[in-house]
């Protein structure tokens, strides 16, 4: 059975060595967090460190892109200047989130790898939960376009007597089609490709469609992602990674130091992100799914 931690030069990595090489623990926390994070499905990276404590961004809607139309040019005349709306600059302020765990020296002496793994897993889960919570809060604050579903997903009837089946206009696929229609009418080139739901929403869809769910999602051009940070009555149809931008004043950082007064080691992890929803038209909210 493979170890929970990697090997070093053909031997098992010890707790003592891991504590003296914080990058090993950082990579472990990052790997655990990345597997859970909703963040990447909504936000793209800023590409540079955030400076000055805030991320500058602006938001345009389809109605703001051009306020005038082009005109037919006559010989010798100039083309008309097409003026757009100057977007109002906004700031997304950084938020410092982190935590720490205590590793007693006895755990180090006894090379308790399981304990170190449990502690780093808990720390990774805590960081992932907080960052995802803030991502969803920021998304909601942007007030994306919303669609009220016709039938709650746990009331769908997709098999049985044809006279009792839920009509096609009341199925989730109708809501998916409505969402893409709204995106198409924005004329901003948005193709919605991901359905983000709560565990309850995922359960309702799996129950309703059974083994046909994969085909249903494929026909709508969607991949489903389930995350506990999404409220049960809500789902989002998004263009993956294009709803907003996330920048970091400090990326995931792990510090380790020895506290001789308590004969223990402290493992501290933190990140300082800023969230900006600069393309709210790349997400459509479905409400009333449960």
Protein backbone atom coordinates (compact mmCIF):
# COMPACT_ATOMS: atom_id res chain seq x y z
CA UNK A 1 0.00 0.00 0.00
CA UNK A 2 1.51 3.38 -0.94
CA UNK A 3 2.53 5.83 1.74
CA UNK A 4 0.50 8.98 2.33
CA UNK A 5 3.66 10.98 1.77
CA UNK A 6 6.25 10.64 -1.02
CA UNK A 7 9.54 8.84 -0.79
CA UNK A 8 12.91 10.52 -0.65
CA UNK A 9 15.97 8.77 -2.14
CA UNK A 10 14.29 5.39 -1.92
CA UNK A 11 13.33 5.64 1.74
CA UNK A 12 10.20 6.74 3.52
CA UNK A 13 9.93 10.47 4.12
CA UNK A 14 10.00 11.17 7.86
CA UNK A 15 7.88 13.65 9.78
CA UNK A 16 11.05 15.35 10.97
CA UNK A 17 12.27 15.91 7.42
CA UNK A 18 8.86 17.13 6.24
CA UNK A 19 8.73 19.72 9.01
CA UNK A 20 12.15 20.99 8.02
CA UNK A 21 11.06 21.30 4.37
CA UNK A 22 7.85 23.40 4.41
CA UNK A 23 7.47 23.14 0.63
CA UNK A 24 6.67 19.44 1.04
CA UNK A 25 3.76 20.27 3.34
CA UNK A 26 2.72 23.19 1.14
CA UNK A 27 2.54 20.93 -1.90
CA UNK A 28 0.52 18.40 0.09
CA UNK A 29 -1.95 21.06 1.24
CA UNK A 30 -2.18 22.52 -2.28
CA UNK A 31 -2.86 19.10 -3.80
CA UNK A 32 -5.59 18.36 -1.27
CA UNK A 33 -7.18 21.79 -1.62
CA UNK A 34 -7.06 21.83 -5.42
CA UNK A 35 -9.00 18.58 -5.60
CA UNK A 36 -11.89 20.21 -3.71
CA UNK A 37 -11.84 23.84 -4.76
CA UNK A 38 -14.72 25.32 -6.68
CA UNK A 39 -12.52 28.30 -7.41
CA UNK A 40 -11.06 27.15 -10.72
CA UNK A 41 -14.49 26.49 -12.20
CA UNK A 42 -15.42 30.16 -11.71
CA UNK A 43 -12.26 32.26 -11.68
CA UNK A 44 -9.16 32.57 -13.84
CA UNK A 45 -5.77 33.63 -12.50
CA UNK A 46 -4.76 37.27 -12.57
CA UNK A 47 -1.26 36.40 -13.76
CA UNK A 48 0.63 38.79 -11.51
CA UNK A 49 0.87 39.52 -7.78
CA UNK A 50 -1.77 41.89 -6.43
CA UNK A 51 -0.18 45.14 -5.32
CA UNK A 52 -1.50 47.94 -3.15
CA UNK A 53 -3.91 45.70 -1.29
CA UNK A 54 -6.53 45.53 -4.04
CA UNK A 55 -7.21 44.19 -7.52
CA UNK A 56 -8.45 46.78 -10.02
CA UNK A 57 -11.10 45.62 -12.47
CA UNK A 58 -14.12 46.80 -14.43
CA UNK A 59 -17.39 45.26 -15.54
CA UNK A 60 -19.20 45.66 -18.86
CA UNK A 61 -22.60 44.39 -19.88
CA UNK A 62 -23.69 43.71 -23.43
CA UNK A 63 -25.65 46.97 -23.39
CA UNK A 64 -22.49 48.89 -22.56
CA UNK A 65 -20.27 47.67 -25.36
CA UNK A 66 -21.38 50.13 -28.03
CA UNK A 67 -23.80 53.01 -27.69
CA UNK A 68 -23.81 53.91 -31.39
CA UNK A 69 -23.94 51.96 -34.64
CA UNK A 70 -21.65 52.09 -37.65
CA UNK A 71 -22.69 53.97 -40.78
CA UNK A 72 -22.23 53.42 -44.47
CA UNK A 73 -19.22 55.40 -45.70
CA UNK A 74 -19.48 57.65 -48.75
CA UNK A 75 -16.46 58.32 -51.01
CA UNK A 76 -14.06 60.81 -49.44
CA UNK A 77 -15.70 60.63 -46.03
CA UNK A 78 -14.33 59.26 -42.79
CA UNK A 79 -15.70 56.28 -40.98
CA UNK A 80 -17.83 57.11 -37.99
CA UNK A 81 -16.24 56.80 -34.58
CA UNK A 82 -17.98 54.06 -32.65
CA UNK A 83 -17.91 54.96 -28.99
CA UNK A 84 -18.25 52.49 -26.18
CA UNK A 85 -19.04 53.10 -22.55
CA UNK A 86 -16.07 53.82 -20.33
CA UNK A 87 -16.31 51.19 -17.60
CA UNK A 88 -16.32 52.34 -14.02
CA UNK A 89 -13.16 51.12 -12.29
CA UNK A 90 -13.71 48.98 -9.22
CA UNK A 91 -11.49 47.47 -6.56
CA UNK A 92 -11.52 43.99 -5.08
CA UNK A 93 -9.65 44.08 -1.78
CA UNK A 94 -7.39 41.27 -0.65
CA UNK A 95 -8.47 39.03 2.20
CA UNK A 96 -5.97 37.26 4.46
CA UNK A 97 -7.12 33.73 5.30
CA UNK A 98 -5.13 31.03 7.06
CA UNK A 99 -4.75 28.73 10.00
CA UNK A 100 -2.24 26.62 11.87
CA UNK A 101 -1.90 23.22 13.48
CA UNK A 102 0.31 22.02 16.31
CA UNK A 103 2.51 18.93 15.96
CA UNK A 104 3.77 17.76 19.40
CA UNK A 105 7.42 16.74 19.45
CA UNK A 106 6.36 13.26 20.51
CA UNK A 107 4.66 12.81 17.13
CA UNK A 108 7.89 13.82 15.43
CA UNK A 109 10.06 11.53 17.54
CA UNK A 110 7.75 8.60 16.85
CA UNK A 111 7.54 9.49 13.15
CA UNK A 112 3.75 9.56 13.21
CA UNK A 113 3.17 10.13 9.49
CA UNK A 114 -0.57 9.49 9.81
CA UNK A 115 -0.92 12.29 12.36
CA UNK A 116 0.91 14.76 10.13
CA UNK A 117 -1.25 13.75 7.19
CA UNK A 118 -4.46 14.12 9.22
CA UNK A 119 -3.46 17.56 10.43
CA UNK A 120 -2.47 18.82 6.99
CA UNK A 121 -5.68 17.36 5.52
CA UNK A 122 -7.78 19.24 8.08
CA UNK A 123 -5.85 22.43 7.39
CA UNK A 124 -6.30 22.00 3.63
CA UNK A 125 -10.03 21.35 4.04
CA UNK A 126 -10.43 24.47 6.17
CA UNK A 127 -8.61 26.68 3.67
CA UNK A 128 -10.54 25.23 0.71
CA UNK A 129 -13.86 25.71 2.47
CA UNK A 130 -13.17 29.34 3.34
CA UNK A 131 -11.87 30.29 -0.11
CA UNK A 132 -14.81 28.62 -1.83
CA UNK A 133 -17.26 30.30 0.55
CA UNK A 134 -15.81 33.69 -0.33
CA UNK A 135 -15.86 32.85 -4.04
CA UNK A 136 -19.59 32.02 -3.92
CA UNK A 137 -20.34 35.10 -1.80
CA UNK A 138 -18.54 37.28 -4.34
CA UNK A 139 -20.44 35.61 -7.17
CA UNK A 140 -23.79 36.23 -5.47
CA UNK A 141 -22.88 39.87 -4.79
CA UNK A 142 -22.46 40.36 -8.55
CA UNK A 143 -26.19 39.60 -8.97
CA UNK A 144 -25.99 37.37 -12.05
CA UNK A 145 -28.97 36.82 -14.35
CA UNK A 146 -31.39 34.35 -12.79
CA UNK A 147 -33.81 31.76 -14.15
CA UNK A 148 -36.55 30.21 -12.02
CA UNK A 149 -36.83 26.53 -12.90
CA UNK A 150 -40.30 25.32 -13.87
CA UNK A 151 -40.23 22.15 -11.76
CA UNK A 152 -38.08 21.38 -8.70
CA UNK A 153 -35.61 18.68 -9.66
CA UNK A 154 -36.69 16.33 -6.88
CA UNK A 155 -40.25 16.36 -8.30
CA UNK A 156 -39.30 15.29 -11.82
CA UNK A 157 -40.95 12.24 -13.35
CA UNK A 158 -38.84 10.85 -16.20
CA UNK A 159 -39.90 7.19 -16.28
CA UNK A 160 -43.22 5.37 -16.06
CA UNK A 161 -46.66 6.12 -17.44
CA UNK A 162 -46.27 8.58 -20.34
CA UNK A 163 -49.29 10.54 -19.09
CA UNK A 164 -47.49 11.32 -15.82
CA UNK A 165 -44.08 12.25 -17.25
CA UNK A 166 -42.77 15.77 -16.71
CA UNK A 167 -43.16 17.74 -19.95
CA UNK A 168 -40.00 18.67 -21.84
CA UNK A 169 -40.59 22.37 -21.24
CA UNK A 170 -40.48 21.71 -17.48
CA UNK A 171 -37.31 19.58 -17.45
CA UNK A 172 -33.86 20.82 -16.34
CA UNK A 173 -32.75 20.72 -19.97
CA UNK A 174 -35.25 23.51 -20.70
CA UNK A 175 -33.56 25.65 -18.06
CA UNK A 176 -30.14 24.85 -19.52
CA UNK A 177 -31.41 25.92 -22.95
CA UNK A 178 -32.87 29.12 -21.48
CA UNK A 179 -29.52 29.93 -19.88
CA UNK A 180 -27.62 29.50 -23.14
CA UNK A 181 -30.24 31.54 -25.00
CA UNK A 182 -29.70 34.39 -22.54
CA UNK A 183 -25.95 34.13 -23.09
CA UNK A 184 -26.42 34.12 -26.87
CA UNK A 185 -28.58 37.25 -26.72
CA UNK A 186 -25.81 39.02 -24.83
CA UNK A 187 -23.70 38.61 -28.00
CA UNK A 188 -20.52 38.26 -26.01
CA UNK A 189 -19.43 34.86 -27.26
CA UNK A 190 -20.21 33.04 -24.02
CA UNK A 191 -20.66 29.28 -24.26
CA UNK A 192 -21.89 27.84 -20.99
CA UNK A 193 -20.12 24.54 -20.36
CA UNK A 194 -20.36 23.75 -16.66
CA UNK A 195 -23.26 23.08 -14.30
CA UNK A 196 -22.38 23.80 -10.66
CA UNK A 197 -24.78 22.35 -8.11
CA UNK A 198 -25.04 21.46 -4.45
CA UNK A 199 -24.76 17.80 -3.41
CA UNK A 200 -28.55 17.86 -3.09
CA UNK A 201 -28.93 19.16 -6.63
CA UNK A 202 -26.57 16.49 -7.95
CA UNK A 203 -28.50 13.80 -6.10
CA UNK A 204 -31.81 15.02 -7.54
CA UNK A 205 -30.48 14.94 -11.11
CA UNK A 206 -28.94 11.49 -10.67
CA UNK A 207 -32.19 10.21 -9.23
CA UNK A 208 -34.29 11.70 -12.02
CA UNK A 209 -32.14 10.60 -14.95
CA UNK A 210 -30.24 7.60 -13.61
CA UNK A 211 -27.81 6.16 -16.12
CA UNK A 212 -29.04 8.62 -18.76
CA UNK A 213 -27.68 11.65 -16.90
CA UNK A 214 -24.33 11.64 -18.71
CA UNK A 215 -26.11 11.75 -22.07
CA UNK A 216 -28.45 14.50 -20.88
CA UNK A 217 -25.54 16.67 -19.75
CA UNK A 218 -23.57 15.93 -22.91
CA UNK A 219 -26.50 16.97 -25.09
CA UNK A 220 -26.58 20.29 -23.24
CA UNK A 221 -22.80 20.68 -23.54
CA UNK A 222 -22.39 20.68 -19.77
CA UNK A 223 -20.16 19.04 -17.19
CA UNK A 224 -21.62 18.76 -13.69
CA UNK A 225 -19.67 19.82 -10.60
CA UNK A 226 -21.04 19.27 -7.10
CA UNK A 227 -19.84 21.40 -4.20
CA UNK A 228 -21.16 21.81 -0.63
CA UNK A 229 -20.69 25.58 -0.76
CA UNK A 230 -23.61 25.88 -3.19
CA UNK A 231 -26.97 26.41 -1.47
CA UNK A 232 -29.50 23.63 -2.13
CA UNK A 233 -32.13 25.70 -4.01
CA UNK A 234 -29.48 27.13 -6.34
CA UNK A 235 -27.39 26.03 -9.30
CA UNK A 236 -25.15 27.92 -11.70
CA UNK A 237 -24.50 27.39 -15.39
CA UNK A 238 -21.16 28.99 -16.22
CA UNK A 239 -18.45 29.37 -18.79
CA UNK A 240 -15.71 27.53 -16.99
CA UNK A 241 -13.08 29.75 -15.38
CA UNK A 242 -14.36 32.89 -17.09
CA UNK A 243 -16.74 34.43 -14.56
CA UNK A 244 -14.10 36.39 -12.71
CA UNK A 245 -10.48 36.90 -11.79
CA UNK A 246 -8.59 35.87 -8.68
CA UNK A 247 -5.31 37.49 -7.78
CA UNK A 248 -3.04 36.84 -4.83
CA UNK A 249 -1.07 39.29 -2.76
CA UNK A 250 0.45 36.14 -1.26
CA UNK A 251 -0.19 32.67 -2.73
CA UNK A 252 -0.56 29.59 -0.58
CA UNK A 253 2.33 29.83 1.86
CA UNK A 254 3.38 27.40 4.58
CA UNK A 255 5.58 28.38 7.52
CA UNK A 256 6.93 25.89 10.05
CA UNK A 257 8.67 26.72 13.30
CA UNK A 258 9.54 25.03 16.55
CA UNK A 259 7.91 26.23 19.77
CA UNK A 260 10.33 25.12 22.44
CA UNK A 261 8.10 26.35 25.27
CA UNK A 262 5.51 23.68 24.42
CA UNK A 263 7.89 21.19 22.79
CA UNK A 264 5.95 21.25 19.57
CA UNK A 265 6.11 22.31 15.94
CA UNK A 266 3.69 24.83 14.45
CA UNK A 267 2.56 24.43 10.83
CA UNK A 268 0.90 27.60 9.55
CA UNK A 269 -0.69 27.97 6.11
CA UNK A 270 -2.27 31.07 4.59
CA UNK A 271 -3.24 32.73 1.34
CA UNK A 272 -4.17 36.35 0.59
CA UNK A 273 -6.55 36.40 -2.40
CA UNK A 274 -8.73 39.05 -4.02
CA UNK A 275 -11.88 38.02 -5.92
CA UNK A 276 -13.32 40.04 -8.80
CA UNK A 277 -16.39 39.04 -10.84
CA UNK A 278 -15.60 40.98 -14.01
CA UNK A 279 -17.67 38.89 -16.44
CA UNK A 280 -21.02 38.35 -14.70
CA UNK A 281 -22.60 37.59 -18.07
CA UNK A 282 -20.60 34.31 -18.11
CA UNK A 283 -22.84 32.83 -15.41
CA UNK A 284 -26.58 32.22 -15.22
CA UNK A 285 -28.19 31.33 -11.92
CA UNK A 286 -30.91 28.68 -11.66
CA UNK A 287 -33.17 29.14 -8.64
CA UNK A 288 -35.75 26.89 -7.05
CA UNK A 289 -34.15 23.61 -8.14
CA UNK A 290 -35.10 21.96 -4.83
